[in-house]
Every structure is written in C-alpha cells, then in structure tokens.
Amino acid sequence: MSPVGGEERPIAAELLEALRARRWTVGVAESLTGGLVTAALIDIAGASRSVRGGVIAYASDLKASLLAVPVELLATRGAVDPDVAAAMAVGVRAQLGTDVGLATTGVAGPDQQDGQPPGTVYVAVATPAGVRVGAALLTGGRAAVRAAARDLVLTLAIDVVADRGTGRPPGTLEIM
C-alpha cells in the first residue's frame, strides 16, 4: 500500500489507476492465489472499467486447456516454473481479450510441489510489448504465502503498466 493524503491505498487501486490512465484492461490467471488477485481488484469501486475477469486454474490440466500452457512444459518442469507463469499470463490475456494478463503459480505449503519448496512463487505480467516474470521465496504459512504472492503480482503489474522506476517506456518488458 502507498500513502495518499495520509491514508493507505490498496495496491490494487494503484494498478487500476495505472490501467485506466493507459485505457488498458486486465485479466488474471491464478493458481496458488486461488482468486485473491481478482478479488483484490474487484474490491475497488470502478474495477469494471478495467477488469475483464479471472481464471482459477489450480490443476495443471486446466492450465493447459484454459490458458494454453504447453502440455510439454507442464510435463517436464511442473506447474511451479517461471515459464509456466509467463505462459499463463499470455494465455489469460489471449483468452479474455485483455491488454494485460497477470498470473500466479507457486507452492503455498506445507509440502513441496514439483521439487520446489513451500514459499516458491512465480508471477508474470504480459502486455502487448512482452512478458515480465518475478520470482520469490516467501516465508510463512499458506495464507501468508498466498497473500504475499497476490501483492507481488500486483506490484509487478504496477511497475510494468506505470513504468515505475524501470527507465523503459511504459509497457516495454523483458522476459526475466
């Protein structure tokens, strides 16, 4: 959150403001966050001007069928992978017809998944210019990891959409 007039403003509101300024729409593909990202956006009044929808693809077969994540990628690396996050963001952008696609995948715990320890998170933001992926190893229980992943993808999306501190033109991205 960031201060506005002495009050805290949710990061989801910052993202929606940045999207409105560019006249862009957003779609969300969620695995580990299970709807938290979409809910955070929808909680903000006026969200319907920018938010087209969200897809919760918790199972790998849904990542492939609903978001066009390559089956080979899921089979060889598993769902907890930076390239899977990127493919999810690109896929939701295409499926929902949006300017921006957000994606989250990872391990909330308590057990590891796909050889990745609990707290491993990958998030992605896709725009017409490309894809940017972020990664983190978070601590805490399931709820803390999921909430932190939500905030991570929203913050990355603000950085990308508003060109906050990147030194690149707005919307210019690289695959990390």
C-alpha atoms as a PDB file:
ATOM      1  CA  MET A   1       0.000   0.000   0.000  1.00  0.00           C
ATOM      2  CA  SER A   2       1.060   3.560  -0.527  1.00  0.00           C
ATOM      3  CA  PRO A   3       0.091   6.720   1.309  1.00  0.00           C
ATOM      4  CA  VAL A   4      -2.441   9.031  -0.308  1.00  0.00           C
ATOM      5  CA  GLY A   5      -3.451  12.118   1.655  1.00  0.00           C
ATOM      6  CA  GLY A   6      -2.232  10.487   4.852  1.00  0.00           C
ATOM      7  CA  GLU A   7      -4.257   7.318   4.220  1.00  0.00           C
ATOM      8  CA  GLU A   8      -3.164   3.945   2.935  1.00  0.00           C
ATOM      9  CA  ARG A   9      -4.403   2.993  -0.536  1.00  0.00           C
ATOM     10  CA  PRO A  10      -4.514  -0.654  -1.622  1.00  0.00           C
ATOM     11  CA  ILE A  11      -2.032  -1.616  -4.313  1.00  0.00           C
ATOM     12  CA  ALA A  12      -4.953  -2.953  -6.342  1.00  0.00           C
ATOM     13  CA  ALA A  13      -6.294   0.619  -6.531  1.00  0.00           C
ATOM     14  CA  GLU A  14      -2.898   1.820  -7.775  1.00  0.00           C
ATOM     15  CA  LEU A  15      -2.922  -0.793 -10.513  1.00  0.00           C
ATOM     16  CA  LEU A  16      -6.458   0.087 -11.580  1.00  0.00           C
ATOM     17  CA  GLU A  17      -5.480   3.760 -11.751  1.00  0.00           C
ATOM     18  CA  ALA A  18      -2.461   2.917 -13.922  1.00  0.00           C
ATOM     19  CA  LEU A  19      -4.610   0.736 -16.187  1.00  0.00           C
ATOM     20  CA  ARG A  20      -7.242   3.470 -16.563  1.00  0.00           C
ATOM     21  CA  ALA A  21      -4.544   6.025 -17.413  1.00  0.00           C
ATOM     22  CA  ARG A  22      -3.462   3.795 -20.332  1.00  0.00           C
ATOM     23  CA  ARG A  23      -7.029   2.714 -21.172  1.00  0.00           C
ATOM     24  CA  TRP A  24      -5.966  -0.889 -20.741  1.00  0.00           C
ATOM     25  CA  THR A  25      -7.921  -3.884 -19.491  1.00  0.00           C
ATOM     26  CA  VAL A  26      -6.650  -6.741 -17.352  1.00  0.00           C
ATOM     27  CA  GLY A  27      -7.323 -10.453 -16.950  1.00  0.00           C
ATOM     28  CA  VAL A  28      -5.941 -12.676 -14.202  1.00  0.00           C
ATOM     29  CA  ALA A  29      -4.808 -16.321 -14.244  1.00  0.00           C
ATOM     30  CA  GLU A  30      -4.424 -17.717 -10.744  1.00  0.00           C
ATOM     31  CA  SER A  31      -3.184 -20.982  -9.399  1.00  0.00           C
ATOM     32  CA  LEU A  32      -1.647 -20.651  -5.943  1.00  0.00           C
ATOM     33  CA  THR A  33      -3.606 -17.478  -5.099  1.00  0.00           C
ATOM     34  CA  GLY A  34      -6.948 -19.105  -5.909  1.00  0.00           C
ATOM     35  CA  GLY A  35      -8.802 -15.878  -6.681  1.00  0.00           C
ATOM     36  CA  LEU A  36      -7.123 -13.483  -4.240  1.00  0.00           C
ATOM     37  CA  VAL A  37      -5.725 -11.270  -7.024  1.00  0.00           C
ATOM     38  CA  THR A  38      -9.023 -10.973  -8.867  1.00  0.00           C
ATOM     39  CA  ALA A  39     -10.875 -10.346  -5.597  1.00  0.00           C
ATOM     40  CA  ALA A  40      -8.430  -7.580  -4.615  1.00  0.00           C
ATOM     41  CA  LEU A  41      -9.069  -5.836  -7.930  1.00  0.00           C
ATOM     42  CA  ILE A  42     -12.850  -6.310  -7.821  1.00  0.00           C
ATOM     43  CA  ASP A  43     -12.963  -4.923  -4.258  1.00  0.00           C
ATOM     44  CA  ILE A  44     -12.092  -1.485  -5.679  1.00  0.00           C
ATOM     45  CA  ALA A  45     -15.002   0.682  -6.843  1.00  0.00           C
ATOM     46  CA  GLY A  46     -14.863   1.237 -10.591  1.00  0.00           C
ATOM     47  CA  ALA A  47     -12.952  -2.002 -11.252  1.00  0.00           C
ATOM     48  CA  SER A  48     -15.346  -2.904 -14.058  1.00  0.00           C
ATOM     49  CA  ARG A  49     -13.755  -0.240 -16.259  1.00  0.00           C
ATOM     50  CA  SER A  50     -10.537  -2.273 -16.382  1.00  0.00           C
ATOM     51  CA  VAL A  51     -11.088  -5.816 -15.091  1.00  0.00           C
ATOM     52  CA  ARG A  52     -12.426  -8.301 -17.659  1.00  0.00           C
ATOM     53  CA  GLY A  53     -12.222 -11.412 -15.496  1.00  0.00           C
ATOM     54  CA  GLY A  54     -10.147 -14.093 -13.901  1.00  0.00           C
ATOM     55  CA  VAL A  55      -9.432 -17.784 -14.344  1.00  0.00           C
ATOM     56  CA  ILE A  56      -8.553 -20.038 -11.424  1.00  0.00           C
ATOM     57  CA  ALA A  57      -6.604 -22.891 -12.976  1.00  0.00           C
ATOM     58  CA  TYR A  58      -5.413 -24.787  -9.916  1.00  0.00           C
ATOM     59  CA  ALA A  59      -4.959 -28.102 -11.729  1.00  0.00           C
ATOM     60  CA  SER A  60      -2.273 -28.498 -14.399  1.00  0.00           C
ATOM     61  CA  ASP A  61      -4.698 -29.868 -16.989  1.00  0.00           C
ATOM     62  CA  LEU A  62      -6.728 -26.642 -16.654  1.00  0.00           C
ATOM     63  CA  LYS A  63      -3.599 -24.552 -17.128  1.00  0.00           C
ATOM     64  CA  ALA A  64      -3.158 -26.362 -20.443  1.00  0.00           C
ATOM     65  CA  SER A  65      -6.779 -26.403 -21.622  1.00  0.00           C
ATOM     66  CA  LEU A  66      -7.950 -22.967 -20.423  1.00  0.00           C
ATOM     67  CA  LEU A  67      -4.730 -20.949 -20.646  1.00  0.00           C
ATOM     68  CA  ALA A  68      -2.834 -22.722 -23.443  1.00  0.00           C
ATOM     69  CA  VAL A  69       0.168 -23.530 -21.249  1.00  0.00           C
ATOM     70  CA  PRO A  70       2.129 -26.110 -23.286  1.00  0.00           C
ATOM     71  CA  VAL A  71       1.498 -29.634 -22.016  1.00  0.00           C
ATOM     72  CA  GLU A  72       5.173 -30.467 -22.634  1.00  0.00           C
ATOM     73  CA  LEU A  73       6.260 -27.613 -20.374  1.00  0.00           C
ATOM     74  CA  LEU A  74       3.982 -28.784 -17.572  1.00  0.00           C
ATOM     75  CA  ALA A  75       5.158 -32.385 -18.029  1.00  0.00           C
ATOM     76  CA  THR A  76       8.865 -31.580 -17.979  1.00  0.00           C
ATOM     77  CA  ARG A  77       9.035 -28.783 -15.394  1.00  0.00           C
ATOM     78  CA  GLY A  78       5.779 -28.936 -13.473  1.00  0.00           C
ATOM     79  CA  ALA A  79       3.393 -26.095 -12.703  1.00  0.00           C
ATOM     80  CA  VAL A  80       5.780 -24.226 -10.406  1.00  0.00           C
ATOM     81  CA  ASP A  81       8.040 -22.658 -13.003  1.00  0.00           C
ATOM     82  CA  PRO A  82       8.739 -19.149 -14.338  1.00  0.00           C
ATOM     83  CA  ASP A  83       7.928 -20.180 -17.918  1.00  0.00           C
ATOM     84  CA  VAL A  84       4.588 -21.585 -16.754  1.00  0.00           C
ATOM     85  CA  ALA A  85       3.790 -18.256 -15.082  1.00  0.00           C
ATOM     86  CA  ALA A  86       4.675 -16.435 -18.308  1.00  0.00           C
ATOM     87  CA  ALA A  87       2.537 -18.802 -20.395  1.00  0.00           C
ATOM     88  CA  MET A  88      -0.385 -18.373 -18.003  1.00  0.00           C
ATOM     89  CA  ALA A  89      -0.187 -14.570 -18.290  1.00  0.00           C
ATOM     90  CA  VAL A  90      -0.018 -14.717 -22.082  1.00  0.00           C
ATOM     91  CA  GLY A  91      -2.821 -17.290 -22.170  1.00  0.00           C
ATOM     92  CA  VAL A  92      -5.237 -15.348 -19.978  1.00  0.00           C
ATOM     93  CA  ARG A  93      -4.546 -12.195 -21.953  1.00  0.00           C
ATOM     94  CA  ALA A  94      -5.500 -14.025 -25.155  1.00  0.00           C
ATOM     95  CA  GLN A  95      -8.473 -15.914 -23.698  1.00  0.00           C
ATOM     96  CA  LEU A  96     -10.058 -12.861 -22.053  1.00  0.00           C
ATOM     97  CA  GLY A  97      -9.113 -10.375 -24.765  1.00  0.00           C
ATOM     98  CA  THR A  98      -7.230  -8.005 -22.468  1.00  0.00           C
ATOM     99  CA  ASP A  99      -4.289  -5.670 -22.814  1.00  0.00           C
ATOM    100  CA  VAL A 100      -2.651  -7.057 -19.672  1.00  0.00           C
ATOM    101  CA  GLY A 101      -2.519 -10.594 -18.289  1.00  0.00           C
ATOM    102  CA  LEU A 102      -1.445 -11.372 -14.727  1.00  0.00           C
ATOM    103  CA  ALA A 103      -0.516 -14.830 -13.457  1.00  0.00           C
ATOM    104  CA  THR A 104       0.466 -16.536 -10.216  1.00  0.00           C
ATOM    105  CA  THR A 105       1.848 -20.007  -9.604  1.00  0.00           C
ATOM    106  CA  GLY A 106       3.795 -21.500  -6.738  1.00  0.00           C
ATOM    107  CA  VAL A 107       3.786 -23.588  -3.587  1.00  0.00           C
ATOM    108  CA  ALA A 108       1.816 -22.394  -0.560  1.00  0.00           C
ATOM    109  CA  GLY A 109       2.855 -25.405   1.515  1.00  0.00           C
ATOM    110  CA  PRO A 110       3.123 -27.158   3.785  1.00  0.00           C
ATOM    111  CA  ASP A 111       4.638 -29.717   1.394  1.00  0.00           C
ATOM    112  CA  GLN A 112       6.885 -29.191  -1.607  1.00  0.00           C
ATOM    113  CA  GLN A 113       5.490 -29.471  -5.144  1.00  0.00           C
ATOM    114  CA  ASP A 114       7.305 -30.271  -8.373  1.00  0.00           C
ATOM    115  CA  GLY A 115      10.541 -30.373  -6.371  1.00  0.00           C
ATOM    116  CA  GLN A 116      10.028 -26.784  -5.199  1.00  0.00           C
ATOM    117  CA  PRO A 117       9.963 -25.865  -1.506  1.00  0.00           C
ATOM    118  CA  PRO A 118       6.989 -24.170   0.147  1.00  0.00           C
ATOM    119  CA  GLY A 119       7.050 -20.429  -0.440  1.00  0.00           C
ATOM    120  CA  THR A 120       8.384 -20.682  -4.010  1.00  0.00           C
ATOM    121  CA  VAL A 121       6.353 -18.240  -6.096  1.00  0.00           C
ATOM    122  CA  TYR A 122       6.424 -17.114  -9.720  1.00  0.00           C
ATOM    123  CA  VAL A 123       4.300 -14.253 -11.006  1.00  0.00           C
ATOM    124  CA  ALA A 124       4.025 -12.816 -14.505  1.00  0.00           C
ATOM    125  CA  VAL A 125       2.662  -9.782 -16.313  1.00  0.00           C
ATOM    126  CA  ALA A 126       2.011  -9.879 -20.075  1.00  0.00           C
ATOM    127  CA  THR A 127       1.290  -6.796 -22.205  1.00  0.00           C
ATOM    128  CA  PRO A 128       1.380  -6.177 -25.957  1.00  0.00           C
ATOM    129  CA  ALA A 129       5.114  -5.461 -25.541  1.00  0.00           C
ATOM    130  CA  GLY A 130       6.059  -8.774 -23.905  1.00  0.00           C
ATOM    131  CA  VAL A 131       6.239 -10.585 -20.593  1.00  0.00           C
ATOM    132  CA  ARG A 132       7.935  -9.881 -17.305  1.00  0.00           C
ATOM    133  CA  VAL A 133       8.293 -12.612 -14.676  1.00  0.00           C
ATOM    134  CA  GLY A 134       9.059 -12.190 -10.998  1.00  0.00           C
ATOM    135  CA  ALA A 135      10.147 -14.828  -8.500  1.00  0.00           C
ATOM    136  CA  ALA A 136      10.265 -15.024  -4.721  1.00  0.00           C
ATOM    137  CA  LEU A 137      10.908 -17.466  -1.927  1.00  0.00           C
ATOM    138  CA  LEU A 138       8.380 -16.398   0.699  1.00  0.00           C
ATOM    139  CA  THR A 139       8.081 -17.404   4.332  1.00  0.00           C
ATOM    140  CA  GLY A 140       5.073 -18.086   6.499  1.00  0.00           C
ATOM    141  CA  GLY A 141       2.062 -20.347   6.360  1.00  0.00           C
ATOM    142  CA  ARG A 142      -0.270 -20.914   3.422  1.00  0.00           C
ATOM    143  CA  ALA A 143      -2.310 -17.760   3.959  1.00  0.00           C
ATOM    144  CA  ALA A 144       0.782 -15.571   4.290  1.00  0.00           C
ATOM    145  CA  VAL A 145       2.406 -17.011   1.147  1.00  0.00           C
ATOM    146  CA  ARG A 146      -0.793 -16.603  -0.878  1.00  0.00           C
ATOM    147  CA  ALA A 147      -1.319 -13.005   0.297  1.00  0.00           C
ATOM    148  CA  ALA A 148       2.310 -12.111  -0.396  1.00  0.00           C
ATOM    149  CA  ALA A 149       2.054 -13.653  -3.892  1.00  0.00           C
ATOM    150  CA  ARG A 150      -1.045 -11.544  -4.543  1.00  0.00           C
ATOM    151  CA  ASP A 151       0.827  -8.401  -3.532  1.00  0.00           C
ATOM    152  CA  LEU A 152       3.877  -9.433  -5.554  1.00  0.00           C
ATOM    153  CA  VAL A 153       1.959  -9.757  -8.838  1.00  0.00           C
ATOM    154  CA  LEU A 154       0.015  -6.528  -8.240  1.00  0.00           C
ATOM    155  CA  THR A 155       3.234  -4.628  -7.515  1.00  0.00           C
ATOM    156  CA  LEU A 156       4.958  -6.083 -10.581  1.00  0.00           C
ATOM    157  CA  ALA A 157       1.934  -5.129 -12.674  1.00  0.00           C
ATOM    158  CA  ILE A 158       2.070  -1.527 -11.415  1.00  0.00           C
ATOM    159  CA  ASP A 159       5.778  -1.386 -12.242  1.00  0.00           C
ATOM    160  CA  VAL A 160       5.079  -2.629 -15.766  1.00  0.00           C
ATOM    161  CA  VAL A 161       1.915  -0.683 -16.559  1.00  0.00           C
ATOM    162  CA  ALA A 162       3.007   2.615 -14.985  1.00  0.00           C
ATOM    163  CA  ASP A 163       6.710   2.196 -15.824  1.00  0.00           C
ATOM    164  CA  ARG A 164       7.545   2.817 -12.189  1.00  0.00           C
ATOM    165  CA  GLY A 165      11.294   3.150 -11.916  1.00  0.00           C
ATOM    166  CA  THR A 166      12.266   0.896 -14.823  1.00  0.00           C
ATOM    167  CA  GLY A 167      13.753   3.535 -17.110  1.00  0.00           C
ATOM    168  CA  ARG A 168      11.957   1.974 -20.081  1.00  0.00           C
ATOM    169  CA  PRO A 169       8.977   3.365 -21.984  1.00  0.00           C
ATOM    170  CA  PRO A 170       5.620   2.298 -20.451  1.00  0.00           C
ATOM    171  CA  GLY A 171       4.657  -1.219 -21.462  1.00  0.00           C
ATOM    172  CA  THR A 172       8.179  -2.191 -22.560  1.00  0.00           C
ATOM    173  CA  LEU A 173       9.072  -5.515 -20.969  1.00  0.00           C
ATOM    174  CA  GLU A 174      11.632  -8.233 -20.980  1.00  0.00           C
ATOM    175  CA  ILE A 175      11.445 -11.888 -20.073  1.00  0.00           C
ATOM    176  CA  MET A 176      13.429 -12.283 -16.887  1.00  0.00           C
END
